Amino acid sequence: MTRFSTACGALAAVFVISGCSVFAPSPIPRGSLIEADDYNQLTPGTSTRADAVDLLGSPTTKGAFDDNTWIYISMTTYMKPLDFPGIDKQQVVVLKFDGAGMLQSLRTLNRKDSRSVAMISKVTPTPGTSINILQQILGNVGRYNPMQNMMNSSGGGTGTGMMGGNSGPGHFGAGNTL
């Protein structure tokens, strides 16, 4: 009996220890993962765009109004239960080039440089009419015309359709024709 209790205790200890690693959040890398050794090889005034692409790859994004500003964004996130992913590490590298493609400045930003932005709970208005549930249900009543496909299928050789007159769509032949 003591062997059994010792084995159960050892098994429980293994489960507890392994459970710690199972429930620990696993890091998820996102963006352009750039090491400091890579961007420290770039020197303003001597490095070019080609050097930046060789060392860092293509940028994550470029400046909205300036193609000479290259931005490399990287972060490491982890999943949080019933919440947005948490940010473990965040880094932004901003390269500014002149018109000839020569590197003018290199800036690194981390999570301490970020600003939190509060969400606004207002609703953006959209133009148009708002319809209620009854209008949605009854909106298509009268649009279905089972006779529409049989309009030009009657005999007689006149081509006027089953109900006579013009053969316009959906109006039993009362619509305009070309």
Protein backbone atom coordinates (compact mmCIF):
# COMPACT_ATOMS: atom_id res chain seq x y z
CA MET A 1 0.00 0.00 0.00
CA THR A 2 2.89 2.39 0.68
CA ARG A 3 4.26 1.76 -2.82
CA PHE A 4 0.91 2.71 -4.31
CA SER A 5 0.68 5.94 -2.29
CA THR A 6 4.29 6.81 -3.16
CA ALA A 7 3.61 6.19 -6.87
CA CYS A 8 0.44 8.31 -6.73
CA GLY A 9 2.34 11.10 -4.96
CA ALA A 10 5.12 11.01 -7.55
CA LEU A 11 2.58 11.00 -10.38
CA ALA A 12 0.74 13.96 -8.84
CA ALA A 13 4.04 15.86 -8.51
CA VAL A 14 4.82 15.20 -12.19
CA PHE A 15 1.37 16.49 -13.20
CA VAL A 16 1.77 19.62 -11.08
CA ILE A 17 5.22 20.39 -12.47
CA SER A 18 4.20 19.69 -16.07
CA GLY A 19 0.98 21.68 -15.60
CA CYS A 20 3.01 24.78 -14.89
CA SER A 21 4.61 24.62 -18.32
CA VAL A 22 1.37 23.64 -20.05
CA PHE A 23 -0.58 26.60 -18.73
CA ALA A 24 2.23 29.12 -19.12
CA PRO A 25 1.60 31.49 -22.01
CA SER A 26 3.67 30.68 -25.06
CA PRO A 27 5.23 33.69 -26.80
CA ILE A 28 3.97 34.45 -30.31
CA PRO A 29 6.36 36.52 -32.47
CA ARG A 30 4.70 39.03 -34.82
CA GLY A 31 6.03 41.42 -37.43
CA SER A 32 9.63 41.93 -38.59
CA LEU A 33 11.76 40.34 -35.89
CA ILE A 34 14.86 42.53 -35.91
CA GLU A 35 17.81 42.15 -33.58
CA ALA A 36 19.87 45.11 -32.35
CA ASP A 37 22.96 43.60 -33.99
CA ASP A 38 21.26 43.95 -37.37
CA TYR A 39 20.18 47.58 -37.24
CA ASN A 40 23.34 48.69 -35.40
CA GLN A 41 25.28 47.88 -38.59
CA LEU A 42 23.46 50.74 -40.34
CA THR A 43 25.13 54.14 -39.96
CA PRO A 44 23.47 57.41 -40.91
CA GLY A 45 25.25 59.21 -43.74
CA THR A 46 26.89 56.09 -45.19
CA SER A 47 24.22 53.35 -45.40
CA THR A 48 21.72 53.20 -48.25
CA ARG A 49 18.27 51.70 -48.81
CA ALA A 50 19.90 48.64 -50.38
CA ASP A 51 21.96 48.13 -47.20
CA ALA A 52 18.79 48.35 -45.08
CA VAL A 53 17.00 45.79 -47.24
CA ASP A 54 20.01 43.46 -47.10
CA LEU A 55 20.25 43.64 -43.31
CA LEU A 56 16.61 44.02 -42.22
CA GLY A 57 14.51 42.92 -45.18
CA SER A 58 11.60 44.91 -46.57
CA PRO A 59 9.93 47.32 -44.13
CA THR A 60 6.69 46.50 -42.35
CA THR A 61 5.26 49.79 -43.58
CA LYS A 62 6.34 53.10 -45.03
CA GLY A 63 5.38 56.60 -43.94
CA ALA A 64 1.84 57.60 -44.89
CA PHE A 65 2.96 60.73 -46.73
CA ASP A 66 6.67 60.04 -47.16
CA ASP A 67 8.12 56.98 -48.94
CA ASN A 68 11.51 57.88 -47.48
CA THR A 69 10.41 56.82 -43.98
CA TRP A 70 10.64 53.05 -43.42
CA ILE A 71 9.13 51.48 -40.32
CA TYR A 72 9.91 48.01 -38.97
CA ILE A 73 7.44 46.82 -36.31
CA SER A 74 7.92 43.73 -34.16
CA MET A 75 6.25 42.43 -31.02
CA THR A 76 5.98 39.31 -28.97
CA THR A 77 2.50 38.55 -27.68
CA TYR A 78 0.95 35.86 -25.52
CA MET A 79 -2.62 34.66 -25.25
CA LYS A 80 -4.68 35.67 -22.22
CA PRO A 81 -7.82 33.67 -21.45
CA LEU A 82 -11.03 35.52 -22.38
CA ASP A 83 -9.15 38.70 -23.25
CA PHE A 84 -7.07 40.35 -25.97
CA PRO A 85 -3.53 39.04 -26.39
CA GLY A 86 -1.02 40.54 -24.00
CA ILE A 87 2.11 42.26 -25.32
CA ASP A 88 5.31 40.90 -23.88
CA LYS A 89 7.85 42.91 -25.89
CA GLN A 90 7.40 45.57 -28.58
CA GLN A 91 9.95 47.33 -30.77
CA VAL A 92 9.72 49.82 -33.63
CA VAL A 93 12.69 50.81 -35.79
CA VAL A 94 12.23 53.97 -37.90
CA LEU A 95 14.63 54.66 -40.75
CA LYS A 96 14.56 58.01 -42.59
CA PHE A 97 16.24 58.35 -45.97
CA ASP A 98 16.92 61.40 -48.12
CA GLY A 99 15.82 61.71 -51.75
CA ALA A 100 18.99 59.97 -52.99
CA GLY A 101 18.40 56.93 -50.77
CA MET A 102 21.04 57.69 -48.13
CA LEU A 103 20.12 56.93 -44.49
CA GLN A 104 19.61 60.18 -42.56
CA SER A 105 18.46 58.89 -39.15
CA LEU A 106 17.72 55.69 -37.28
CA ARG A 107 15.36 55.66 -34.29
CA THR A 108 14.29 52.79 -32.07
CA LEU A 109 11.15 52.90 -30.00
CA ASN A 110 9.95 50.38 -27.44
CA ARG A 111 6.86 49.88 -25.35
CA LYS A 112 7.75 52.73 -22.98
CA ASP A 113 7.48 55.17 -25.91
CA SER A 114 3.95 54.05 -26.80
CA ARG A 115 0.76 55.87 -25.92
CA SER A 116 -2.40 54.07 -24.98
CA VAL A 117 -5.44 55.08 -26.98
CA ALA A 118 -8.87 54.89 -25.38
CA MET A 119 -11.68 53.41 -27.42
CA ILE A 120 -14.77 55.54 -28.01
CA SER A 121 -18.12 53.82 -27.69
CA LYS A 122 -20.00 56.12 -30.08
CA VAL A 123 -21.56 54.74 -33.26
CA THR A 124 -20.62 56.17 -36.64
CA PRO A 125 -23.76 57.39 -38.42
CA THR A 126 -24.40 56.05 -41.91
CA PRO A 127 -26.55 57.69 -44.56
CA GLY A 128 -29.75 56.04 -45.68
CA THR A 129 -32.93 54.92 -44.08
CA SER A 130 -33.25 52.64 -41.13
CA ILE A 131 -35.87 49.94 -41.45
CA ASN A 132 -37.55 48.00 -38.72
CA ILE A 133 -38.00 44.24 -38.50
CA LEU A 134 -41.46 44.28 -40.08
CA GLN A 135 -40.16 46.19 -43.09
CA GLN A 136 -37.33 43.67 -43.43
CA ILE A 137 -39.75 40.74 -43.39
CA LEU A 138 -42.29 42.27 -45.76
CA GLY A 139 -39.76 44.01 -47.99
CA ASN A 140 -39.77 41.39 -50.73
CA VAL A 141 -43.50 40.70 -50.76
CA GLY A 142 -44.77 41.33 -54.28
CA ARG A 143 -41.35 41.17 -55.93
CA TYR A 144 -41.56 37.47 -56.78
CA ASN A 145 -43.36 36.85 -60.04
CA PRO A 146 -43.83 33.17 -60.92
CA MET A 147 -45.36 34.15 -64.27
CA GLN A 148 -42.28 36.07 -65.41
CA ASN A 149 -40.62 33.08 -67.09
CA MET A 150 -43.81 32.18 -68.95
CA MET A 151 -44.29 35.64 -70.50
CA ASN A 152 -42.91 34.89 -73.95
CA SER A 153 -43.73 31.19 -74.04
CA SER A 154 -47.31 31.43 -75.42
CA GLY A 155 -48.17 30.59 -78.98
CA GLY A 156 -49.83 32.77 -81.56
CA GLY A 157 -46.72 34.11 -83.26
CA THR A 158 -47.38 37.71 -82.22
CA GLY A 159 -44.68 37.82 -79.54
CA THR A 160 -46.89 39.78 -77.17
CA GLY A 161 -46.62 37.37 -74.26
CA MET A 162 -49.18 35.50 -72.22
CA MET A 163 -51.13 38.53 -71.01
CA GLY A 164 -50.80 40.57 -74.21
CA GLY A 165 -49.28 44.01 -74.64
CA ASN A 166 -45.64 44.79 -74.00
CA SER A 167 -43.52 42.12 -72.38
CA GLY A 168 -41.67 44.04 -69.66
CA PRO A 169 -40.12 42.20 -66.73
CA GLY A 170 -42.22 41.50 -63.65
CA HIS A 171 -45.36 43.39 -64.63
CA PHE A 172 -47.29 40.71 -66.51
CA GLY A 173 -46.27 42.27 -69.78
CA ALA A 174 -47.12 45.86 -68.88
CA GLY A 175 -43.53 47.17 -68.83
CA ASN A 176 -41.53 49.08 -71.42
CA THR A 177 -39.89 47.34 -74.35
CA LEU A 178 -37.16 48.44 -76.69
